[in-house]
Amino acid sequence: MSDHESHNSGLKKYQPEDSWNPFLGLSVSYKLLPQLTLLSSARYTMLD
């Protein structure tokens, strides 16, 4: 967040470095009909 953005938002200035965000996910598909498929997925990401 730049000085200008910090001033406009009221939040303090912040300059992050590189980060690594591991995640765990699960995806499922289920064929309801020959042409129709139900899709679902969930994802949990741990923030650096």
All heavy atoms as atom14 arrays in JSON, in Angstrom:
{
  "sequence": "MSDHESHNSGLKKYQPEDSWNPFLGLSVSYKLLPQLTLLSSARYTMLD",
  "atom14_mask": [
    [1, 1, 1, 1, 1, 1, 1, 1, 0, 0, 0, 0, 0, 0],
    [1, 1, 1, 1, 1, 1, 0, 0, 0, 0, 0, 0, 0, 0],
    [1, 1, 1, 1, 1, 1, 1, 1, 0, 0, 0, 0, 0, 0],
    [1, 1, 1, 1, 1, 1, 1, 1, 1, 1, 0, 0, 0, 0],
    [1, 1, 1, 1, 1, 1, 1, 1, 1, 0, 0, 0, 0, 0],
    [1, 1, 1, 1, 1, 1, 0, 0, 0, 0, 0, 0, 0, 0],
    [1, 1, 1, 1, 1, 1, 1, 1, 1, 1, 0, 0, 0, 0],
    [1, 1, 1, 1, 1, 1, 1, 1, 0, 0, 0, 0, 0, 0],
    [1, 1, 1, 1, 1, 1, 0, 0, 0, 0, 0, 0, 0, 0],
    [1, 1, 1, 1, 0, 0, 0, 0, 0, 0, 0, 0, 0, 0],
    [1, 1, 1, 1, 1, 1, 1, 1, 0, 0, 0, 0, 0, 0],
    [1, 1, 1, 1, 1, 1, 1, 1, 1, 0, 0, 0, 0, 0],
    [1, 1, 1, 1, 1, 1, 1, 1, 1, 0, 0, 0, 0, 0],
    [1, 1, 1, 1, 1, 1, 1, 1, 1, 1, 1, 1, 0, 0],
    [1, 1, 1, 1, 1, 1, 1, 1, 1, 0, 0, 0, 0, 0],
    [1, 1, 1, 1, 1, 1, 1, 0, 0, 0, 0, 0, 0, 0],
    [1, 1, 1, 1, 1, 1, 1, 1, 1, 0, 0, 0, 0, 0],
    [1, 1, 1, 1, 1, 1, 1, 1, 0, 0, 0, 0, 0, 0],
    [1, 1, 1, 1, 1, 1, 0, 0, 0, 0, 0, 0, 0, 0],
    [1, 1, 1, 1, 1, 1, 1, 1, 1, 1, 1, 1, 1, 1],
    [1, 1, 1, 1, 1, 1, 1, 1, 0, 0, 0, 0, 0, 0],
    [1, 1, 1, 1, 1, 1, 1, 0, 0, 0, 0, 0, 0, 0],
    [1, 1, 1, 1, 1, 1, 1, 1, 1, 1, 1, 0, 0, 0],
    [1, 1, 1, 1, 1, 1, 1, 1, 0, 0, 0, 0, 0, 0],
    [1, 1, 1, 1, 0, 0, 0, 0, 0, 0, 0, 0, 0, 0],
    [1, 1, 1, 1, 1, 1, 1, 1, 0, 0, 0, 0, 0, 0],
    [1, 1, 1, 1, 1, 1, 0, 0, 0, 0, 0, 0, 0, 0],
    [1, 1, 1, 1, 1, 1, 1, 0, 0, 0, 0, 0, 0, 0],
    [1, 1, 1, 1, 1, 1, 0, 0, 0, 0, 0, 0, 0, 0],
    [1, 1, 1, 1, 1, 1, 1, 1, 1, 1, 1, 1, 0, 0],
    [1, 1, 1, 1, 1, 1, 1, 1, 1, 0, 0, 0, 0, 0],
    [1, 1, 1, 1, 1, 1, 1, 1, 0, 0, 0, 0, 0, 0],
    [1, 1, 1, 1, 1, 1, 1, 1, 0, 0, 0, 0, 0, 0],
    [1, 1, 1, 1, 1, 1, 1, 0, 0, 0, 0, 0, 0, 0],
    [1, 1, 1, 1, 1, 1, 1, 1, 1, 0, 0, 0, 0, 0],
    [1, 1, 1, 1, 1, 1, 1, 1, 0, 0, 0, 0, 0, 0],
    [1, 1, 1, 1, 1, 1, 1, 0, 0, 0, 0, 0, 0, 0],
    [1, 1, 1, 1, 1, 1, 1, 1, 0, 0, 0, 0, 0, 0],
    [1, 1, 1, 1, 1, 1, 1, 1, 0, 0, 0, 0, 0, 0],
    [1, 1, 1, 1, 1, 1, 0, 0, 0, 0, 0, 0, 0, 0],
    [1, 1, 1, 1, 1, 1, 0, 0, 0, 0, 0, 0, 0, 0],
    [1, 1, 1, 1, 1, 0, 0, 0, 0, 0, 0, 0, 0, 0],
    [1, 1, 1, 1, 1, 1, 1, 1, 1, 1, 1, 0, 0, 0],
    [1, 1, 1, 1, 1, 1, 1, 1, 1, 1, 1, 1, 0, 0],
    [1, 1, 1, 1, 1, 1, 1, 0, 0, 0, 0, 0, 0, 0],
    [1, 1, 1, 1, 1, 1, 1, 1, 0, 0, 0, 0, 0, 0],
    [1, 1, 1, 1, 1, 1, 1, 1, 0, 0, 0, 0, 0, 0],
    [1, 1, 1, 1, 1, 1, 1, 1, 0, 0, 0, 0, 0, 0]
  ],
  "atom14_positions": [
    [[0.86, -1.15, 0.0], [0.0, 0.0, 0.0], [0.91, 1.22, 0.0], [1.77, 1.38, 0.86], [-0.89, -0.03, 1.25], [-1.82, 1.13, 1.34], [-2.89, 1.1, 2.78], [-3.77, -0.4, 2.54], [0.0, 0.0, 0.0], [0.0, 0.0, 0.0], [0.0, 0.0, 0.0], [0.0, 0.0, 0.0], [0.0, 0.0, 0.0], [0.0, 0.0, 0.0]],
    [[0.74, 2.1, -0.97], [1.58, 3.28, -1.11], [1.19, 4.35, -0.09], [0.17, 4.25, 0.59], [1.43, 3.84, -2.53], [0.13, 4.38, -2.69], [0.0, 0.0, 0.0], [0.0, 0.0, 0.0], [0.0, 0.0, 0.0], [0.0, 0.0, 0.0], [0.0, 0.0, 0.0], [0.0, 0.0, 0.0], [0.0, 0.0, 0.0], [0.0, 0.0, 0.0]],
    [[2.01, 5.4, 0.0], [1.69, 6.53, 0.88], [0.36, 7.14, 0.51], [-0.46, 7.46, 1.37], [2.79, 7.59, 0.8], [4.07, 7.16, 1.48], [4.0, 6.38, 2.46], [5.15, 7.61, 1.05], [0.0, 0.0, 0.0], [0.0, 0.0, 0.0], [0.0, 0.0, 0.0], [0.0, 0.0, 0.0], [0.0, 0.0, 0.0], [0.0, 0.0, 0.0]],
    [[0.14, 7.32, -0.79], [-1.11, 7.92, -1.27], [-2.31, 7.05, -0.91], [-3.33, 7.55, -0.42], [-1.02, 8.14, -2.79], [-2.25, 8.74, -3.39], [-2.62, 10.04, -3.18], [-3.21, 8.19, -4.18], [-3.75, 10.29, -3.82], [-4.12, 9.17, -4.44], [0.0, 0.0, 0.0], [0.0, 0.0, 0.0], [0.0, 0.0, 0.0], [0.0, 0.0, 0.0]],
    [[-2.21, 5.75, -1.16], [-3.3, 4.82, -0.82], [-3.54, 4.78, 0.69], [-4.67, 4.73, 1.15], [-2.99, 3.42, -1.34], [-3.0, 3.32, -2.85], [-2.4, 2.02, -3.35], [-1.51, 1.45, -2.68], [-2.83, 1.57, -4.42], [0.0, 0.0, 0.0], [0.0, 0.0, 0.0], [0.0, 0.0, 0.0], [0.0, 0.0, 0.0], [0.0, 0.0, 0.0]],
    [[-2.46, 4.83, 1.45], [-2.57, 4.83, 2.91], [-3.31, 6.07, 3.39], [-4.2, 6.0, 4.23], [-1.18, 4.77, 3.53], [-1.25, 4.9, 4.93], [0.0, 0.0, 0.0], [0.0, 0.0, 0.0], [0.0, 0.0, 0.0], [0.0, 0.0, 0.0], [0.0, 0.0, 0.0], [0.0, 0.0, 0.0], [0.0, 0.0, 0.0], [0.0, 0.0, 0.0]],
    [[-2.96, 7.2, 2.84], [-3.6, 8.46, 3.22], [-5.09, 8.44, 2.87], [-5.93, 8.84, 3.68], [-2.9, 9.64, 2.53], [-3.55, 10.95, 2.78], [-3.46, 11.59, 4.01], [-4.32, 11.73, 2.01], [-4.15, 12.71, 3.97], [-4.67, 12.83, 2.75], [0.0, 0.0, 0.0], [0.0, 0.0, 0.0], [0.0, 0.0, 0.0], [0.0, 0.0, 0.0]],
    [[-5.42, 7.97, 1.68], [-6.83, 7.94, 1.24], [-7.68, 6.94, 2.01], [-8.87, 7.18, 2.23], [-6.92, 7.64, -0.25], [-6.46, 8.8, -1.1], [-6.4, 9.94, -0.64], [-6.13, 8.53, -2.35], [0.0, 0.0, 0.0], [0.0, 0.0, 0.0], [0.0, 0.0, 0.0], [0.0, 0.0, 0.0], [0.0, 0.0, 0.0], [0.0, 0.0, 0.0]],
    [[-7.09, 5.81, 2.41], [-7.87, 4.76, 3.06], [-7.9, 4.89, 4.59], [-8.76, 4.32, 5.24], [-7.31, 3.39, 2.69], [-6.04, 3.21, 3.29], [0.0, 0.0, 0.0], [0.0, 0.0, 0.0], [0.0, 0.0, 0.0], [0.0, 0.0, 0.0], [0.0, 0.0, 0.0], [0.0, 0.0, 0.0], [0.0, 0.0, 0.0], [0.0, 0.0, 0.0]],
    [[-6.92, 5.57, 5.14], [-6.82, 5.66, 6.59], [-6.08, 4.48, 7.21], [-5.92, 4.4, 8.42], [0.0, 0.0, 0.0], [0.0, 0.0, 0.0], [0.0, 0.0, 0.0], [0.0, 0.0, 0.0], [0.0, 0.0, 0.0], [0.0, 0.0, 0.0], [0.0, 0.0, 0.0], [0.0, 0.0, 0.0], [0.0, 0.0, 0.0], [0.0, 0.0, 0.0]],
    [[-5.62, 3.54, 6.38], [-4.86, 2.39, 6.86], [-3.38, 2.73, 6.83], [-2.94, 3.56, 6.03], [-5.12, 1.16, 5.99], [-6.57, 0.67, 5.95], [-6.72, -0.4, 4.87], [-6.99, 0.13, 7.3], [0.0, 0.0, 0.0], [0.0, 0.0, 0.0], [0.0, 0.0, 0.0], [0.0, 0.0, 0.0], [0.0, 0.0, 0.0], [0.0, 0.0, 0.0]],
    [[-2.59, 2.08, 7.7], [-1.16, 2.37, 7.72], [-0.47, 1.79, 6.48], [-0.92, 0.81, 5.89], [-0.51, 1.84, 8.99], [-0.6, 0.36, 9.19], [0.01, -0.04, 10.51], [-0.17, -1.54, 10.71], [0.4, -2.01, 11.95], [0.0, 0.0, 0.0], [0.0, 0.0, 0.0], [0.0, 0.0, 0.0], [0.0, 0.0, 0.0], [0.0, 0.0, 0.0]],
    [[0.64, 2.41, 6.1], [1.42, 1.99, 4.94], [1.96, 0.58, 5.17], [2.34, 0.23, 6.28], [2.58, 2.96, 4.73], [3.42, 2.65, 3.52], [4.51, 3.67, 3.37], [5.43, 3.27, 2.24], [6.53, 4.2, 2.06], [0.0, 0.0, 0.0], [0.0, 0.0, 0.0], [0.0, 0.0, 0.0], [0.0, 0.0, 0.0], [0.0, 0.0, 0.0]],
    [[1.97, -0.23, 4.11], [2.45, -1.61, 4.23], [3.12, -2.03, 2.93], [2.55, -1.89, 1.85], [1.27, -2.55, 4.54], [1.7, -3.97, 4.81], [2.42, -4.28, 5.95], [1.39, -4.99, 3.93], [2.83, -5.57, 6.22], [1.79, -6.28, 4.18], [2.5, -6.57, 5.32], [2.9, -7.85, 5.57], [0.0, 0.0, 0.0], [0.0, 0.0, 0.0]],
    [[4.34, -2.55, 3.02], [5.1, -3.0, 1.86], [5.52, -4.46, 2.08], [6.56, -4.74, 2.65], [6.36, -2.13, 1.68], [6.07, -0.68, 1.36], [5.4, -0.5, 0.01], [5.66, -1.24, -0.93], [4.54, 0.48, -0.08], [0.0, 0.0, 0.0], [0.0, 0.0, 0.0], [0.0, 0.0, 0.0], [0.0, 0.0, 0.0], [0.0, 0.0, 0.0]],
    [[4.71, -5.43, 1.64], [5.04, -6.84, 1.84], [6.14, -7.33, 0.91], [6.43, -6.71, -0.12], [3.73, -7.55, 1.53], [3.06, -6.66, 0.55], [3.45, -5.25, 0.95], [0.0, 0.0, 0.0], [0.0, 0.0, 0.0], [0.0, 0.0, 0.0], [0.0, 0.0, 0.0], [0.0, 0.0, 0.0], [0.0, 0.0, 0.0], [0.0, 0.0, 0.0]],
    [[6.74, -8.43, 1.29], [7.73, -9.13, 0.46], [7.03, -10.29, -0.23], [5.82, -10.39, -0.22], [8.87, -9.63, 1.36], [9.59, -8.55, 2.13], [10.42, -7.65, 1.22], [10.93, -8.14, 0.2], [10.54, -6.46, 1.55], [0.0, 0.0, 0.0], [0.0, 0.0, 0.0], [0.0, 0.0, 0.0], [0.0, 0.0, 0.0], [0.0, 0.0, 0.0]],
    [[7.82, -11.22, -0.79], [7.26, -12.43, -1.4], [6.54, -13.26, -0.34], [6.83, -13.16, 0.85], [8.38, -13.3, -1.99], [9.09, -12.6, -3.15], [8.53, -11.65, -3.69], [10.2, -13.04, -3.48], [0.0, 0.0, 0.0], [0.0, 0.0, 0.0], [0.0, 0.0, 0.0], [0.0, 0.0, 0.0], [0.0, 0.0, 0.0], [0.0, 0.0, 0.0]],
    [[5.61, -14.08, -0.8], [4.9, -14.94, 0.15], [4.66, -16.31, -0.45], [4.72, -16.51, -1.65], [3.57, -14.29, 0.56], [2.68, -14.23, -0.52], [0.0, 0.0, 0.0], [0.0, 0.0, 0.0], [0.0, 0.0, 0.0], [0.0, 0.0, 0.0], [0.0, 0.0, 0.0], [0.0, 0.0, 0.0], [0.0, 0.0, 0.0], [0.0, 0.0, 0.0]],
    [[4.37, -17.25, 0.43], [4.08, -18.63, 0.08], [2.8, -19.01, 0.78], [2.69, -18.89, 2.0], [5.26, -19.5, 0.54], [5.06, -20.96, 0.42], [4.79, -21.82, 1.43], [5.12, -21.75, -0.76], [4.68, -23.1, 0.95], [4.88, -23.08, -0.41], [5.35, -21.46, -2.1], [4.87, -24.11, -1.32], [5.33, -22.49, -3.01], [5.1, -23.79, -2.63]],
    [[1.78, -19.44, 0.03], [0.46, -19.74, 0.59], [0.04, -21.17, 0.25], [-0.59, -21.4, -0.77], [-0.58, -18.76, 0.05], [-0.26, -17.34, 0.42], [-0.24, -17.01, 1.58], [0.03, -16.52, -0.56], [0.0, 0.0, 0.0], [0.0, 0.0, 0.0], [0.0, 0.0, 0.0], [0.0, 0.0, 0.0], [0.0, 0.0, 0.0], [0.0, 0.0, 0.0]],
    [[0.38, -22.13, 1.11], [-0.03, -23.51, 0.83], [-1.54, -23.65, 0.96], [-2.18, -22.91, 1.71], [0.7, -24.32, 1.9], [0.99, -23.36, 2.98], [1.12, -22.02, 2.35], [0.0, 0.0, 0.0], [0.0, 0.0, 0.0], [0.0, 0.0, 0.0], [0.0, 0.0, 0.0], [0.0, 0.0, 0.0], [0.0, 0.0, 0.0], [0.0, 0.0, 0.0]],
    [[-2.09, -24.59, 0.21], [-3.54, -24.8, 0.26], [-3.87, -26.28, 0.18], [-3.07, -27.09, -0.26], [-4.26, -24.03, -0.85], [-3.98, -24.55, -2.23], [-4.77, -25.55, -2.8], [-2.93, -24.05, -2.98], [-4.51, -26.03, -4.06], [-2.67, -24.51, -4.25], [-3.46, -25.51, -4.8], [0.0, 0.0, 0.0], [0.0, 0.0, 0.0], [0.0, 0.0, 0.0]],
    [[-5.08, -26.58, 0.61], [-5.62, -27.92, 0.54], [-6.97, -27.81, -0.14], [-7.77, -26.94, 0.23], [-5.78, -28.5, 1.95], [-6.37, -29.89, 2.08], [-5.44, -30.91, 1.42], [-6.59, -30.23, 3.53], [0.0, 0.0, 0.0], [0.0, 0.0, 0.0], [0.0, 0.0, 0.0], [0.0, 0.0, 0.0], [0.0, 0.0, 0.0], [0.0, 0.0, 0.0]],
    [[-7.2, -28.62, -1.15], [-8.46, -28.52, -1.88], [-9.04, -29.88, -2.2], [-8.34, -30.9, -2.19], [0.0, 0.0, 0.0], [0.0, 0.0, 0.0], [0.0, 0.0, 0.0], [0.0, 0.0, 0.0], [0.0, 0.0, 0.0], [0.0, 0.0, 0.0], [0.0, 0.0, 0.0], [0.0, 0.0, 0.0], [0.0, 0.0, 0.0], [0.0, 0.0, 0.0]],
    [[-10.34, -29.86, -2.45], [-11.05, -31.07, -2.81], [-12.06, -30.71, -3.89], [-12.8, -29.73, -3.74], [-11.78, -31.65, -1.59], [-12.66, -32.87, -1.84], [-11.8, -34.06, -2.22], [-13.49, -33.17, -0.61], [0.0, 0.0, 0.0], [0.0, 0.0, 0.0], [0.0, 0.0, 0.0], [0.0, 0.0, 0.0], [0.0, 0.0, 0.0], [0.0, 0.0, 0.0]],
    [[-12.08, -31.46, -4.97], [-13.04, -31.25, -6.06], [-13.79, -32.54, -6.32], [-13.21, -33.63, -6.29], [-12.32, -30.83, -7.34], [-11.7, -29.59, -7.18], [0.0, 0.0, 0.0], [0.0, 0.0, 0.0], [0.0, 0.0, 0.0], [0.0, 0.0, 0.0], [0.0, 0.0, 0.0], [0.0, 0.0, 0.0], [0.0, 0.0, 0.0], [0.0, 0.0, 0.0]],
    [[-15.09, -32.39, -6.58], [-15.94, -33.55, -6.83], [-16.84, -33.25, -8.02], [-17.33, -32.13, -8.17], [-16.83, -33.85, -5.59], [-17.78, -34.98, -5.86], [-15.99, -34.13, -4.38], [0.0, 0.0, 0.0], [0.0, 0.0, 0.0], [0.0, 0.0, 0.0], [0.0, 0.0, 0.0], [0.0, 0.0, 0.0], [0.0, 0.0, 0.0], [0.0, 0.0, 0.0]],
    [[-17.03, -34.24, -8.86], [-18.03, -34.12, -9.93], [-18.89, -35.37, -9.91], [-18.41, -36.47, -9.65], [-17.37, -33.94, -11.29], [-16.61, -35.06, -11.65], [0.0, 0.0, 0.0], [0.0, 0.0, 0.0], [0.0, 0.0, 0.0], [0.0, 0.0, 0.0], [0.0, 0.0, 0.0], [0.0, 0.0, 0.0], [0.0, 0.0, 0.0], [0.0, 0.0, 0.0]],
    [[-20.19, -35.17, -10.15], [-21.14, -36.28, -10.11], [-22.07, -36.16, -11.31], [-22.75, -35.14, -11.49], [-21.95, -36.22, -8.81], [-22.94, -37.34, -8.68], [-22.52, -38.63, -8.34], [-24.29, -37.12, -8.89], [-23.43, -39.67, -8.22], [-25.21, -38.15, -8.77], [-24.77, -39.42, -8.44], [-25.67, -40.45, -8.31], [0.0, 0.0, 0.0], [0.0, 0.0, 0.0]],
    [[-22.07, -37.19, -12.12], [-22.9, -37.19, -13.33], [-24.34, -37.52, -12.95], [-24.64, -38.61, -12.48], [-22.36, -38.18, -14.34], [-22.97, -38.03, -15.72], [-22.26, -38.88, -16.74], [-20.93, -38.35, -17.14], [-20.94, -37.28, -18.1], [0.0, 0.0, 0.0], [0.0, 0.0, 0.0], [0.0, 0.0, 0.0], [0.0, 0.0, 0.0], [0.0, 0.0, 0.0]],
    [[-25.24, -36.54, -13.12], [-26.66, -36.73, -12.82], [-27.39, -37.37, -13.98], [-28.24, -38.23, -13.78], [-27.31, -35.39, -12.48], [-26.78, -34.67, -11.25], [-27.36, -33.27, -11.16], [-27.09, -35.47, -10.0], [0.0, 0.0, 0.0], [0.0, 0.0, 0.0], [0.0, 0.0, 0.0], [0.0, 0.0, 0.0], [0.0, 0.0, 0.0], [0.0, 0.0, 0.0]],
    [[-27.06, -36.94, -15.18], [-27.6, -37.47, -16.43], [-26.44, -37.57, -17.41], [-25.38, -37.01, -17.16], [-28.67, -36.52, -17.0], [-29.91, -36.26, -16.13], [-30.73, -35.13, -16.72], [-30.74, -37.52, -16.01], [0.0, 0.0, 0.0], [0.0, 0.0, 0.0], [0.0, 0.0, 0.0], [0.0, 0.0, 0.0], [0.0, 0.0, 0.0], [0.0, 0.0, 0.0]],
    [[-26.62, -38.23, -18.55], [-25.52, -38.31, -19.51], [-24.96, -36.94, -19.9], [-23.77, -36.8, -20.12], [-26.14, -39.01, -20.71], [-27.22, -39.86, -20.13], [-27.77, -39.05, -18.98], [0.0, 0.0, 0.0], [0.0, 0.0, 0.0], [0.0, 0.0, 0.0], [0.0, 0.0, 0.0], [0.0, 0.0, 0.0], [0.0, 0.0, 0.0], [0.0, 0.0, 0.0]],
    [[-25.8, -35.89, -19.95], [-25.34, -34.56, -20.33], [-25.15, -33.61, -19.15], [-24.59, -32.54, -19.3], [-26.34, -33.89, -21.29], [-26.63, -34.63, -22.55], [-27.78, -35.61, -22.39], [-28.37, -35.77, -21.33], [-28.11, -36.31, -23.47], [0.0, 0.0, 0.0], [0.0, 0.0, 0.0], [0.0, 0.0, 0.0], [0.0, 0.0, 0.0], [0.0, 0.0, 0.0]],
    [[-25.63, -33.97, -17.98], [-25.67, -33.06, -16.84], [-24.75, -33.54, -15.71], [-24.88, -34.67, -15.23], [-27.11, -32.96, -16.32], [-27.39, -31.97, -15.21], [-27.15, -30.54, -15.71], [-28.82, -32.12, -14.73], [0.0, 0.0, 0.0], [0.0, 0.0, 0.0], [0.0, 0.0, 0.0], [0.0, 0.0, 0.0], [0.0, 0.0, 0.0], [0.0, 0.0, 0.0]],
    [[-23.82, -32.67, -15.31], [-22.87, -33.01, -14.25], [-22.92, -31.95, -13.16], [-22.93, -30.75, -13.44], [-21.43, -33.08, -14.81], [-21.39, -34.03, -15.88], [-20.44, -33.5, -13.74], [0.0, 0.0, 0.0], [0.0, 0.0, 0.0], [0.0, 0.0, 0.0], [0.0, 0.0, 0.0], [0.0, 0.0, 0.0], [0.0, 0.0, 0.0], [0.0, 0.0, 0.0]],
    [[-22.94, -32.39, -11.92], [-22.9, -31.51, -10.76], [-21.44, -31.38, -10.33], [-20.73, -32.38, -10.22], [-23.73, -32.1, -9.62], [-23.79, -31.33, -8.32], [-24.45, -29.96, -8.54], [-24.56, -32.12, -7.28], [0.0, 0.0, 0.0], [0.0, 0.0, 0.0], [0.0, 0.0, 0.0], [0.0, 0.0, 0.0], [0.0, 0.0, 0.0], [0.0, 0.0, 0.0]],
    [[-20.98, -30.15, -10.11], [-19.58, -29.89, -9.74], [-19.53, -29.21, -8.38], [-20.39, -28.37, -8.07], [-18.92, -28.97, -10.77], [-19.05, -29.38, -12.22], [-18.71, -28.23, -13.13], [-18.15, -30.57, -12.48], [0.0, 0.0, 0.0], [0.0, 0.0, 0.0], [0.0, 0.0, 0.0], [0.0, 0.0, 0.0], [0.0, 0.0, 0.0], [0.0, 0.0, 0.0]],
    [[-18.51, -29.52, -7.6], [-18.33, -28.87, -6.31], [-16.86, -28.91, -5.94], [-16.17, -29.9, -6.22], [-19.17, -29.56, -5.24], [-19.03, -28.9, -4.01], [0.0, 0.0, 0.0], [0.0, 0.0, 0.0], [0.0, 0.0, 0.0], [0.0, 0.0, 0.0], [0.0, 0.0, 0.0], [0.0, 0.0, 0.0], [0.0, 0.0, 0.0], [0.0, 0.0, 0.0]],
    [[-16.37, -27.85, -5.32], [-15.0, -27.86, -4.82], [-14.89, -26.95, -3.61], [-15.66, -26.0, -3.45], [-14.0, -27.44, -5.91], [-14.2, -26.1, -6.27], [0.0, 0.0, 0.0], [0.0, 0.0, 0.0], [0.0, 0.0, 0.0], [0.0, 0.0, 0.0], [0.0, 0.0, 0.0], [0.0, 0.0, 0.0], [0.0, 0.0, 0.0], [0.0, 0.0, 0.0]],
    [[-13.94, -27.28, -2.75], [-13.65, -26.49, -1.57], [-12.14, -26.32, -1.49], [-11.38, -27.2, -1.89], [-14.16, -27.19, -0.32], [0.0, 0.0, 0.0], [0.0, 0.0, 0.0], [0.0, 0.0, 0.0], [0.0, 0.0, 0.0], [0.0, 0.0, 0.0], [0.0, 0.0, 0.0], [0.0, 0.0, 0.0], [0.0, 0.0, 0.0], [0.0, 0.0, 0.0]],
    [[-11.72, -25.15, -0.97], [-10.28, -24.87, -0.88], [-9.99, -24.08, 0.39], [-10.65, -23.08, 0.67], [-9.83, -24.09, -2.1], [-8.36, -23.78, -2.13], [-7.99, -23.18, -3.46], [-6.66, -22.65, -3.44], [-5.98, -22.35, -4.52], [-6.52, -22.51, -5.7], [-4.77, -21.87, -4.42], [0.0, 0.0, 0.0], [0.0, 0.0, 0.0], [0.0, 0.0, 0.0]],
    [[-9.02, -24.55, 1.16], [-8.56, -23.89, 2.38], [-7.12, -23.43, 2.13], [-6.26, -24.25, 1.81], [-8.62, -24.87, 3.55], [-8.04, -24.33, 4.83], [-8.81, -23.52, 5.67], [-6.74, -24.61, 5.21], [-8.28, -23.02, 6.85], [-6.2, -24.12, 6.39], [-6.98, -23.33, 7.2], [-6.46, -22.83, 8.36], [0.0, 0.0, 0.0], [0.0, 0.0, 0.0]],
    [[-6.88, -22.13, 2.24], [-5.55, -21.56, 2.0], [-5.02, -20.94, 3.28], [-5.69, -20.12, 3.91], [-5.61, -20.48, 0.9], [-6.18, -21.04, -0.28], [-4.23, -19.95, 0.58], [0.0, 0.0, 0.0], [0.0, 0.0, 0.0], [0.0, 0.0, 0.0], [0.0, 0.0, 0.0], [0.0, 0.0, 0.0], [0.0, 0.0, 0.0], [0.0, 0.0, 0.0]],
    [[-3.82, -21.34, 3.68], [-3.16, -20.75, 4.84], [-2.34, -19.55, 4.36], [-1.46, -19.71, 3.52], [-2.28, -21.78, 5.52], [-3.08, -22.94, 6.1], [-2.08, -24.37, 6.53], [-1.93, -25.14, 4.93], [0.0, 0.0, 0.0], [0.0, 0.0, 0.0], [0.0, 0.0, 0.0], [0.0, 0.0, 0.0], [0.0, 0.0, 0.0], [0.0, 0.0, 0.0]],
    [[-2.65, -18.38, 4.86], [-2.01, -17.16, 4.39], [-0.65, -16.95, 5.06], [-0.5, -17.11, 6.27], [-2.91, -15.95, 4.65], [-4.28, -16.0, 3.99], [-5.09, -14.78, 4.38], [-4.16, -16.11, 2.48], [0.0, 0.0, 0.0], [0.0, 0.0, 0.0], [0.0, 0.0, 0.0], [0.0, 0.0, 0.0], [0.0, 0.0, 0.0], [0.0, 0.0, 0.0]],
    [[0.32, -16.56, 4.26], [1.66, -16.25, 4.74], [1.63, -15.0, 5.62], [0.73, -14.17, 5.51], [2.55, -16.03, 3.5], [4.0, -15.88, 3.85], [4.71, -16.9, 3.88], [4.42, -14.73, 4.09], [0.0, 0.0, 0.0], [0.0, 0.0, 0.0], [0.0, 0.0, 0.0], [0.0, 0.0, 0.0], [0.0, 0.0, 0.0], [0.0, 0.0, 0.0]]
  ]
}
